């Protein structure tokens, strides 16, 4: 088999696998709403994802890199983590 062709097949398969493991914020919000009955704020999802090292870094328009404006409340963290586990992200 041609090495370049094999490398292309591997990279395409890798992209498909990574795409299947990442859920959108909307999917996470909808799942938590269905299972736990409350609406999750996107900043709470970002806080939980940061705790699990699933983010790429701070947003370029973030005012203060060391301060979180709306961290996730401890009572809501479990529901978000269950949703991340459901989608295979954690």
N, C-alpha and C. Protein backbone atom coordinates (compact mmCIF):
# COMPACT_ATOMS: atom_id res chain seq x y z
N UNK A 1 0.85 -1.17 0.00
CA UNK A 1 0.00 0.00 0.00
C UNK A 1 0.89 1.24 0.00
N UNK A 2 0.46 2.22 -0.71
CA UNK A 2 1.20 3.48 -0.79
C UNK A 2 1.17 4.18 0.58
N UNK A 3 2.32 4.65 1.05
CA UNK A 3 2.42 5.26 2.37
C UNK A 3 1.58 6.54 2.46
N UNK A 4 1.59 7.36 1.41
CA UNK A 4 0.81 8.60 1.44
C UNK A 4 -0.69 8.29 1.52
N UNK A 5 -1.12 7.27 0.80
CA UNK A 5 -2.54 6.90 0.84
C UNK A 5 -2.92 6.39 2.22
N UNK A 6 -2.07 5.58 2.83
CA UNK A 6 -2.32 5.07 4.18
C UNK A 6 -2.38 6.22 5.19
N UNK A 7 -1.48 7.18 5.06
CA UNK A 7 -1.47 8.33 5.98
C UNK A 7 -2.75 9.14 5.83
N UNK A 8 -3.23 9.32 4.61
CA UNK A 8 -4.47 10.06 4.39
C UNK A 8 -5.65 9.31 5.01
N UNK A 9 -5.71 7.99 4.83
CA UNK A 9 -6.79 7.21 5.39
C UNK A 9 -6.77 7.30 6.92
N UNK A 10 -5.58 7.24 7.52
CA UNK A 10 -5.47 7.32 8.97
C UNK A 10 -5.93 8.68 9.48
N UNK A 11 -5.51 9.75 8.80
CA UNK A 11 -5.88 11.08 9.27
C UNK A 11 -7.38 11.32 9.12
N UNK A 12 -8.01 10.82 8.07
CA UNK A 12 -9.45 10.98 7.91
C UNK A 12 -10.21 10.18 8.96
N UNK A 13 -9.74 8.98 9.26
CA UNK A 13 -10.36 8.18 10.30
C UNK A 13 -10.21 8.83 11.66
N UNK A 14 -9.05 9.43 11.90
CA UNK A 14 -8.80 10.12 13.15
C UNK A 14 -9.74 11.32 13.31
N UNK A 15 -9.96 12.06 12.24
CA UNK A 15 -10.88 13.20 12.28
C UNK A 15 -12.30 12.74 12.58
N UNK A 16 -12.71 11.64 11.98
CA UNK A 16 -14.07 11.14 12.22
C UNK A 16 -14.23 10.70 13.67
N UNK A 17 -13.21 10.10 14.23
CA UNK A 17 -13.29 9.66 15.62
C UNK A 17 -13.35 10.85 16.56
N UNK A 18 -12.51 11.85 16.33
CA UNK A 18 -12.52 13.02 17.20
C UNK A 18 -13.83 13.78 17.08
N UNK A 19 -14.39 13.85 15.90
CA UNK A 19 -15.65 14.55 15.72
C UNK A 19 -16.79 13.87 16.45
N UNK A 20 -16.75 12.55 16.54
CA UNK A 20 -17.80 11.82 17.22
C UNK A 20 -17.73 12.01 18.72
N UNK A 21 -16.55 12.32 19.25
CA UNK A 21 -16.39 12.43 20.70
C UNK A 21 -16.67 13.83 21.23
N UNK A 22 -16.82 14.80 20.36
CA UNK A 22 -17.03 16.16 20.82
C UNK A 22 -18.50 16.55 20.62
N UNK A 23 -19.12 16.98 21.70
CA UNK A 23 -20.51 17.43 21.63
C UNK A 23 -20.52 18.96 21.63
N UNK A 24 -21.53 19.52 21.01
CA UNK A 24 -21.66 20.97 21.02
C UNK A 24 -22.27 21.42 22.35
N UNK A 25 -22.12 22.70 22.64
CA UNK A 25 -22.71 23.23 23.86
C UNK A 25 -24.23 23.05 23.82
N UNK A 26 -24.84 23.21 22.66
CA UNK A 26 -26.28 23.05 22.52
C UNK A 26 -26.69 21.62 22.87
N UNK A 27 -25.93 20.61 22.42
CA UNK A 27 -26.25 19.22 22.74
C UNK A 27 -26.14 18.96 24.24
N UNK A 28 -25.13 19.54 24.88
CA UNK A 28 -24.96 19.37 26.32
C UNK A 28 -26.11 20.04 27.07
N UNK A 29 -26.47 21.25 26.65
CA UNK A 29 -27.59 21.97 27.29
C UNK A 29 -28.89 21.18 27.15
N UNK A 30 -29.16 20.66 25.95
CA UNK A 30 -30.39 19.90 25.72
C UNK A 30 -30.44 18.63 26.55
N UNK A 31 -29.31 17.93 26.66
CA UNK A 31 -29.28 16.69 27.44
C UNK A 31 -29.52 16.97 28.92
N UNK A 32 -28.88 18.00 29.46
CA UNK A 32 -29.07 18.33 30.87
C UNK A 32 -30.51 18.77 31.12
N UNK A 33 -31.07 19.53 30.19
CA UNK A 33 -32.47 19.95 30.33
C UNK A 33 -33.40 18.75 30.37
N UNK A 34 -33.16 17.76 29.52
CA UNK A 34 -34.01 16.57 29.47
C UNK A 34 -33.83 15.69 30.70
N UNK A 35 -32.59 15.50 31.15
CA UNK A 35 -32.34 14.56 32.23
C UNK A 35 -32.48 15.17 33.62
N UNK A 36 -32.09 16.43 33.78
CA UNK A 36 -32.07 17.03 35.11
C UNK A 36 -33.07 18.17 35.29
N UNK A 37 -33.66 18.64 34.21
CA UNK A 37 -34.74 19.61 34.32
C UNK A 37 -34.34 21.06 34.54
N UNK A 38 -33.11 21.43 34.24
CA UNK A 38 -32.74 22.84 34.32
C UNK A 38 -31.86 23.20 33.14
N UNK A 39 -31.79 24.49 32.85
CA UNK A 39 -31.02 24.98 31.72
C UNK A 39 -29.62 25.37 32.21
N UNK A 40 -28.63 24.87 31.52
CA UNK A 40 -27.23 25.11 31.87
C UNK A 40 -26.73 26.35 31.14
N UNK A 41 -25.98 27.17 31.81
CA UNK A 41 -25.35 28.31 31.15
C UNK A 41 -24.05 27.85 30.49
N UNK A 42 -23.73 28.44 29.36
CA UNK A 42 -22.53 28.03 28.62
C UNK A 42 -21.26 28.26 29.44
N UNK A 43 -21.24 29.28 30.28
CA UNK A 43 -20.05 29.53 31.10
C UNK A 43 -19.85 28.41 32.12
N UNK A 44 -20.93 27.77 32.56
CA UNK A 44 -20.80 26.64 33.48
C UNK A 44 -20.17 25.46 32.76
N UNK A 45 -20.59 25.23 31.51
CA UNK A 45 -20.00 24.14 30.72
C UNK A 45 -18.52 24.40 30.51
N UNK A 46 -18.18 25.63 30.18
CA UNK A 46 -16.78 25.98 29.97
C UNK A 46 -15.96 25.78 31.23
N UNK A 47 -16.52 26.10 32.39
CA UNK A 47 -15.82 25.91 33.66
C UNK A 47 -15.55 24.44 33.92
N UNK A 48 -16.54 23.58 33.69
CA UNK A 48 -16.37 22.15 33.91
C UNK A 48 -15.38 21.57 32.89
N UNK A 49 -15.48 22.01 31.63
CA UNK A 49 -14.53 21.53 30.63
C UNK A 49 -13.11 21.96 30.96
N UNK A 50 -12.94 23.15 31.50
CA UNK A 50 -11.61 23.61 31.90
C UNK A 50 -11.07 22.75 33.03
N UNK A 51 -11.92 22.37 33.96
CA UNK A 51 -11.49 21.51 35.07
C UNK A 51 -11.02 20.15 34.59
N UNK A 52 -11.54 19.69 33.46
CA UNK A 52 -11.15 18.40 32.88
C UNK A 52 -10.15 18.55 31.74
N UNK A 53 -9.59 19.73 31.58
CA UNK A 53 -8.59 20.02 30.54
C UNK A 53 -9.11 19.74 29.14
N UNK A 54 -10.35 20.13 28.86
CA UNK A 54 -10.95 19.92 27.55
C UNK A 54 -11.03 21.21 26.73
N UNK A 55 -10.46 22.29 27.22
CA UNK A 55 -10.48 23.54 26.47
C UNK A 55 -9.10 23.84 25.92
N UNK A 56 -9.06 24.71 24.94
CA UNK A 56 -7.79 25.06 24.31
C UNK A 56 -7.10 26.22 25.00
N UNK A 57 -7.80 26.95 25.82
CA UNK A 57 -7.21 28.09 26.50
C UNK A 57 -8.23 29.19 26.67
N UNK A 58 -7.75 30.35 27.06
CA UNK A 58 -8.63 31.48 27.30
C UNK A 58 -9.06 32.12 25.97
N UNK A 59 -10.25 32.68 25.98
CA UNK A 59 -10.74 33.40 24.81
C UNK A 59 -9.92 34.68 24.63
N UNK A 60 -9.66 35.07 23.40
CA UNK A 60 -8.85 36.27 23.18
C UNK A 60 -9.52 37.55 23.67
N UNK A 61 -10.84 37.55 23.80
CA UNK A 61 -11.53 38.75 24.25
C UNK A 61 -11.85 38.72 25.75
N UNK A 62 -11.26 37.79 26.46
CA UNK A 62 -11.49 37.70 27.91
C UNK A 62 -10.83 38.88 28.60
N UNK A 63 -11.55 39.54 29.48
CA UNK A 63 -11.05 40.75 30.12
C UNK A 63 -9.95 40.44 31.12
N UNK A 64 -10.20 39.49 32.02
CA UNK A 64 -9.20 39.12 33.03
C UNK A 64 -8.97 37.62 32.94
N UNK A 65 -7.77 37.22 32.59
CA UNK A 65 -7.46 35.81 32.37
C UNK A 65 -7.49 34.98 33.64
N UNK A 66 -7.43 35.61 34.80
CA UNK A 66 -7.35 34.86 36.05
C UNK A 66 -8.66 34.84 36.84
N UNK A 67 -9.68 35.53 36.36
CA UNK A 67 -10.92 35.63 37.10
C UNK A 67 -12.06 35.02 36.28
N UNK A 68 -12.86 34.19 36.91
CA UNK A 68 -14.03 33.61 36.27
C UNK A 68 -15.25 34.41 36.71
N UNK A 69 -15.99 34.92 35.75
CA UNK A 69 -17.14 35.77 36.07
C UNK A 69 -18.27 34.93 36.64
N UNK A 70 -18.59 33.81 36.00
CA UNK A 70 -19.67 32.94 36.47
C UNK A 70 -19.18 31.50 36.53
N UNK A 71 -18.47 31.11 37.58
CA UNK A 71 -18.06 29.71 37.68
C UNK A 71 -19.28 28.81 37.91
N UNK A 72 -19.12 27.55 37.60
CA UNK A 72 -20.22 26.59 37.73
C UNK A 72 -20.54 26.36 39.21
N UNK A 73 -21.82 26.46 39.58
CA UNK A 73 -22.20 26.15 40.97
C UNK A 73 -21.97 24.67 41.26
N UNK A 74 -21.52 24.35 42.46
CA UNK A 74 -21.26 22.93 42.79
C UNK A 74 -22.47 22.04 42.61
N UNK A 75 -23.67 22.55 42.84
CA UNK A 75 -24.88 21.74 42.70
C UNK A 75 -25.16 21.36 41.24
N UNK A 76 -24.67 22.14 40.29
CA UNK A 76 -24.92 21.89 38.87
C UNK A 76 -23.79 21.11 38.20
N UNK A 77 -22.63 21.05 38.84
CA UNK A 77 -21.44 20.44 38.25
C UNK A 77 -21.65 18.96 37.91
N UNK A 78 -22.31 18.21 38.79
CA UNK A 78 -22.51 16.79 38.56
C UNK A 78 -23.33 16.52 37.30
N UNK A 79 -24.37 17.31 37.07
CA UNK A 79 -25.21 17.13 35.89
C UNK A 79 -24.41 17.38 34.61
N UNK A 80 -23.57 18.40 34.62
CA UNK A 80 -22.76 18.71 33.43
C UNK A 80 -21.73 17.62 33.21
N UNK A 81 -21.12 17.13 34.28
CA UNK A 81 -20.13 16.05 34.14
C UNK A 81 -20.79 14.77 33.61
N UNK A 82 -22.02 14.48 34.06
CA UNK A 82 -22.72 13.31 33.52
C UNK A 82 -22.99 13.47 32.03
N UNK A 83 -23.33 14.69 31.60
CA UNK A 83 -23.56 14.93 30.17
C UNK A 83 -22.26 14.76 29.39
N UNK A 84 -21.15 15.23 29.92
CA UNK A 84 -19.86 15.05 29.24
C UNK A 84 -19.50 13.57 29.15
N UNK A 85 -19.79 12.81 30.21
CA UNK A 85 -19.55 11.36 30.18
C UNK A 85 -20.44 10.68 29.17
N UNK A 86 -21.69 11.14 29.07
CA UNK A 86 -22.63 10.57 28.11
C UNK A 86 -22.09 10.70 26.68
N UNK A 87 -21.49 11.83 26.37
CA UNK A 87 -20.95 12.07 25.04
C UNK A 87 -19.52 11.54 24.89
N UNK A 88 -18.97 10.92 25.93
CA UNK A 88 -17.63 10.34 25.84
C UNK A 88 -16.52 11.34 25.85
N UNK A 89 -16.76 12.50 26.40
CA UNK A 89 -15.73 13.55 26.42
C UNK A 89 -14.87 13.46 27.67
N UNK A 90 -15.38 12.82 28.72
CA UNK A 90 -14.64 12.66 29.98
C UNK A 90 -14.44 11.20 30.24
